[in-house]
Amino acid sequence: MTADEPQSKATVRLQPRPSEDAMRALGDAIARLNADGDYVARALTESLLAERPMTDEPSLAPEEIDFLISSGEFTPEEFDDIATRVRRGALPAGAANALVAELHRSMSEDDVRGFLDLSDDELEQLVSTGRIYAVDIAGKRRFPAWQFSLSSPGKLLPHLAEIIALVAANRWLSVAGLMSTPQSEMVAEGKQTPVQWFRDGGGIDALAEILEAERWT
């Protein structure tokens, strides 16, 4: 650290590269998915590069740690376990796991054209006008599966264009998590996910309220 750098600036400690055995095991695991191995590897690489590097500085001040323990939220042992897992990369690993899961729950352009019986131009028109939700993952366009519904007109989730407009500013993984999570604002016979809510005829206002509440929390 130079004299001009602030003392509070976090420094990144470079860890040893994964061993050849670990990388070989990762390659075998990707191959086992029976998917395009190169594409999955590139998508994982982009996901991990997007994560913030872990630093040598703790994310919480000592007095904040003491408060969490004294308040009964965590025991010292539980806090140490969480901190260790974070230092070892539990958060980036979790993000990578979520990416692979949602990648499997998405469709390629060819899949969507076949499913909806569309031409290239028709699919492009739906995407460009915000009537189908498309995301770029490792240089390829993918279509999250939550937006498709065999039981709905056109095989698309009701209110899809309005949904897309509401979630456009959010990361697609966050949107996928939202759409598959039961919401207290969407209740029929118990809490429903947004996908269930819209398939059962629920209105768009409930989703707008959820997103508005999250914006202020």
Protein backbone atom coordinates (compact mmCIF):
# COMPACT_ATOMS: atom_id res chain seq x y z
CA MET A 1 0.00 0.00 0.00
CA THR A 2 1.40 3.41 -0.95
CA ALA A 3 1.35 6.51 1.25
CA ASP A 4 -1.33 8.03 -1.00
CA GLU A 5 -3.79 5.16 -0.53
CA PRO A 6 -6.36 5.40 2.26
CA GLN A 7 -5.73 3.03 5.14
CA SER A 8 -9.31 1.73 5.00
CA LYS A 9 -9.02 0.46 1.44
CA ALA A 10 -9.60 -3.29 1.30
CA THR A 11 -6.85 -5.39 -0.25
CA VAL A 12 -7.48 -8.56 -2.18
CA ARG A 13 -5.47 -11.62 -1.22
CA LEU A 14 -4.87 -13.90 -4.18
CA GLN A 15 -5.52 -17.52 -3.30
CA PRO A 16 -3.81 -20.49 -4.96
CA ARG A 17 -5.35 -21.56 -8.26
CA PRO A 18 -7.56 -24.65 -8.16
CA SER A 19 -5.59 -27.87 -8.48
CA GLU A 20 -5.62 -29.90 -11.69
CA ASP A 21 -7.68 -32.54 -9.89
CA ALA A 22 -10.26 -29.94 -8.86
CA MET A 23 -10.49 -28.51 -12.38
CA ARG A 24 -10.75 -32.00 -13.87
CA ALA A 25 -13.57 -32.81 -11.44
CA LEU A 26 -15.34 -29.58 -12.45
CA GLY A 27 -15.02 -30.51 -16.11
CA ASP A 28 -16.43 -33.97 -15.41
CA ALA A 29 -19.35 -32.44 -13.49
CA ILE A 30 -20.15 -30.08 -16.36
CA ALA A 31 -19.97 -32.94 -18.87
CA ARG A 32 -22.35 -34.95 -16.69
CA LEU A 33 -25.00 -32.28 -17.24
CA ASN A 34 -25.29 -33.52 -20.85
CA ALA A 35 -25.27 -29.91 -22.04
CA ASP A 36 -22.96 -27.74 -24.14
CA GLY A 37 -19.91 -27.99 -21.86
CA ASP A 38 -18.07 -25.01 -23.35
CA TYR A 39 -21.14 -22.81 -23.01
CA VAL A 40 -21.80 -23.82 -19.39
CA ALA A 41 -18.13 -23.21 -18.53
CA ARG A 42 -18.20 -19.76 -20.14
CA ALA A 43 -21.42 -18.88 -18.30
CA LEU A 44 -19.89 -19.98 -14.98
CA THR A 45 -16.76 -17.97 -15.71
CA GLU A 46 -18.79 -14.81 -16.41
CA SER A 47 -20.80 -15.35 -13.23
CA LEU A 48 -17.70 -15.70 -11.05
CA LEU A 49 -15.94 -12.74 -12.69
CA ALA A 50 -18.99 -10.61 -11.89
CA GLU A 51 -18.66 -11.40 -8.18
CA ARG A 52 -16.77 -8.93 -6.00
CA PRO A 53 -13.37 -10.27 -4.90
CA MET A 54 -13.17 -11.28 -1.26
CA THR A 55 -10.88 -9.04 0.78
CA ASP A 56 -8.66 -9.39 3.81
CA GLU A 57 -10.80 -6.91 5.75
CA PRO A 58 -13.86 -8.14 7.70
CA SER A 59 -17.23 -6.99 6.35
CA LEU A 60 -18.46 -6.17 9.88
CA ALA A 61 -16.81 -4.07 12.57
CA PRO A 62 -15.96 -5.85 15.86
CA GLU A 63 -18.72 -3.96 17.70
CA GLU A 64 -21.24 -5.06 15.05
CA ILE A 65 -20.18 -8.69 15.50
CA ASP A 66 -20.49 -8.33 19.30
CA PHE A 67 -23.99 -6.89 18.89
CA LEU A 68 -25.16 -9.76 16.67
CA ILE A 69 -23.87 -12.32 19.15
CA SER A 70 -25.15 -10.54 22.28
CA SER A 71 -28.58 -10.02 20.67
CA GLY A 72 -28.98 -13.76 20.33
CA GLU A 73 -29.10 -13.71 16.53
CA PHE A 74 -26.00 -15.92 16.36
CA THR A 75 -23.90 -17.89 18.79
CA PRO A 76 -20.14 -17.27 18.52
CA GLU A 77 -19.79 -20.73 16.93
CA GLU A 78 -22.50 -20.04 14.35
CA PHE A 79 -20.97 -16.69 13.43
CA ASP A 80 -17.51 -18.25 13.05
CA ASP A 81 -18.96 -20.97 10.81
CA ILE A 82 -20.71 -18.43 8.58
CA ALA A 83 -17.60 -16.25 8.37
CA THR A 84 -15.45 -19.26 7.43
CA ARG A 85 -17.82 -20.34 4.69
CA VAL A 86 -17.92 -16.81 3.27
CA ARG A 87 -14.12 -16.57 3.30
CA ARG A 88 -13.89 -19.89 1.49
CA GLY A 89 -16.22 -18.70 -1.27
CA ALA A 90 -19.68 -19.86 -0.22
CA LEU A 91 -21.35 -16.76 -1.69
CA PRO A 92 -19.74 -16.95 -5.17
CA ALA A 93 -20.32 -20.72 -5.17
CA GLY A 94 -23.98 -20.12 -4.36
CA ALA A 95 -24.28 -17.64 -7.21
CA ALA A 96 -22.71 -20.13 -9.61
CA ASN A 97 -25.07 -22.85 -8.41
CA ALA A 98 -28.08 -20.57 -8.99
CA LEU A 99 -26.80 -19.73 -12.47
CA VAL A 100 -26.50 -23.38 -13.51
CA ALA A 101 -29.95 -24.19 -12.09
CA GLU A 102 -31.63 -21.32 -13.94
CA LEU A 103 -29.64 -22.03 -17.11
CA HIS A 104 -31.26 -25.47 -17.13
CA ARG A 105 -34.63 -23.80 -16.66
CA SER A 106 -34.16 -21.62 -19.73
CA MET A 107 -34.72 -22.28 -23.42
CA SER A 108 -32.63 -21.58 -26.50
CA GLU A 109 -33.89 -19.61 -29.49
CA ASP A 110 -34.45 -22.86 -31.41
CA ASP A 111 -36.43 -24.29 -28.46
CA VAL A 112 -38.68 -21.23 -28.28
CA ARG A 113 -39.30 -21.07 -32.02
CA GLY A 114 -40.34 -24.73 -31.98
CA PHE A 115 -42.43 -24.41 -28.82
CA LEU A 116 -44.34 -21.36 -30.04
CA ASP A 117 -44.25 -22.27 -33.75
CA LEU A 118 -42.60 -18.99 -34.72
CA SER A 119 -40.38 -17.87 -37.57
CA ASP A 120 -37.08 -16.09 -36.90
CA ASP A 121 -38.68 -12.73 -37.69
CA GLU A 122 -41.71 -13.38 -35.49
CA LEU A 123 -39.55 -14.28 -32.51
CA GLU A 124 -37.37 -11.21 -33.06
CA GLN A 125 -40.48 -9.02 -33.17
CA LEU A 126 -41.78 -10.43 -29.87
CA VAL A 127 -38.43 -9.84 -28.17
CA SER A 128 -37.91 -6.34 -29.54
CA THR A 129 -41.39 -5.23 -28.48
CA GLY A 130 -41.06 -6.63 -24.96
CA ARG A 131 -43.59 -9.43 -25.33
CA ILE A 132 -41.11 -12.22 -24.61
CA TYR A 133 -38.37 -12.03 -21.97
CA ALA A 134 -34.89 -12.74 -23.37
CA VAL A 135 -31.54 -12.51 -21.57
CA ASP A 136 -27.94 -12.73 -22.71
CA ILE A 137 -25.91 -15.46 -20.99
CA ALA A 138 -22.29 -15.93 -22.10
CA GLY A 139 -22.97 -14.42 -25.51
CA LYS A 140 -26.11 -16.42 -26.27
CA ARG A 141 -29.73 -15.38 -26.01
CA ARG A 142 -31.77 -17.50 -23.60
CA PHE A 143 -35.41 -17.44 -22.56
CA PRO A 144 -36.26 -18.14 -18.87
CA ALA A 145 -38.85 -20.92 -18.75
CA TRP A 146 -41.09 -19.25 -16.13
CA GLN A 147 -42.70 -17.13 -18.85
CA PHE A 148 -44.10 -20.09 -20.77
CA SER A 149 -47.39 -21.78 -19.89
CA LEU A 150 -48.98 -24.62 -21.86
CA SER A 151 -52.37 -23.94 -20.29
CA SER A 152 -52.42 -20.24 -21.23
CA PRO A 153 -53.36 -18.56 -24.54
CA GLY A 154 -50.38 -18.46 -26.87
CA LYS A 155 -48.46 -20.66 -24.41
CA LEU A 156 -47.26 -17.50 -22.66
CA LEU A 157 -47.82 -16.48 -19.03
CA PRO A 158 -50.75 -14.05 -18.74
CA HIS A 159 -49.72 -10.38 -18.35
CA LEU A 160 -46.25 -11.25 -19.67
CA ALA A 161 -45.63 -7.92 -21.43
CA GLU A 162 -46.62 -6.04 -18.26
CA ILE A 163 -44.42 -8.34 -16.15
CA ILE A 164 -41.45 -7.72 -18.44
CA ALA A 165 -41.94 -3.97 -18.19
CA LEU A 166 -41.99 -4.16 -14.38
CA VAL A 167 -38.86 -6.32 -14.00
CA ALA A 168 -36.80 -4.92 -16.87
CA ALA A 169 -34.35 -3.13 -14.55
CA ASN A 170 -33.66 -6.22 -12.42
CA ARG A 171 -31.03 -8.93 -12.93
CA TRP A 172 -32.56 -11.92 -14.67
CA LEU A 173 -31.47 -14.30 -11.89
CA SER A 174 -33.25 -12.11 -9.34
CA VAL A 175 -36.34 -12.14 -11.53
CA ALA A 176 -36.21 -15.93 -11.80
CA GLY A 177 -35.99 -16.20 -8.02
CA LEU A 178 -38.92 -13.82 -7.56
CA MET A 179 -41.13 -15.68 -10.02
CA SER A 180 -40.56 -19.02 -8.27
CA THR A 181 -40.97 -17.79 -4.67
CA PRO A 182 -44.38 -17.81 -2.88
CA GLN A 183 -45.44 -14.26 -2.05
CA SER A 184 -47.56 -13.10 0.88
CA GLU A 185 -49.29 -10.61 -1.45
CA MET A 186 -50.42 -13.45 -3.74
CA VAL A 187 -52.78 -15.67 -1.78
CA ALA A 188 -55.45 -18.04 -3.06
CA GLU A 189 -55.45 -21.35 -1.19
CA GLY A 190 -52.18 -20.47 0.51
CA LYS A 191 -49.35 -18.30 -0.75
CA GLN A 192 -48.62 -18.58 -4.46
CA THR A 193 -45.61 -17.90 -6.62
CA PRO A 194 -46.11 -15.16 -9.22
CA VAL A 195 -46.16 -17.86 -11.91
CA GLN A 196 -49.01 -19.70 -10.14
CA TRP A 197 -50.77 -16.41 -9.42
CA PHE A 198 -50.85 -15.30 -13.05
CA ARG A 199 -51.74 -18.75 -14.39
CA ASP A 200 -54.74 -18.74 -12.03
CA GLY A 201 -55.93 -15.36 -13.27
CA GLY A 202 -54.31 -13.05 -10.71
CA GLY A 203 -53.84 -9.37 -11.53
CA ILE A 204 -50.64 -7.49 -12.30
CA ASP A 205 -51.07 -4.96 -9.46
CA ALA A 206 -49.88 -7.52 -6.88
CA LEU A 207 -46.50 -7.84 -8.61
CA ALA A 208 -46.18 -4.07 -8.92
CA GLU A 209 -46.76 -3.75 -5.16
CA ILE A 210 -44.11 -6.39 -4.39
CA LEU A 211 -41.50 -4.68 -6.55
CA GLU A 212 -42.35 -1.26 -5.14
CA ALA A 213 -41.98 -2.56 -1.57
CA GLU A 214 -38.61 -4.13 -2.38
CA ARG A 215 -37.40 -0.84 -3.85
CA TRP A 216 -37.85 0.88 -0.49
CA THR A 217 -36.56 -1.88 1.82
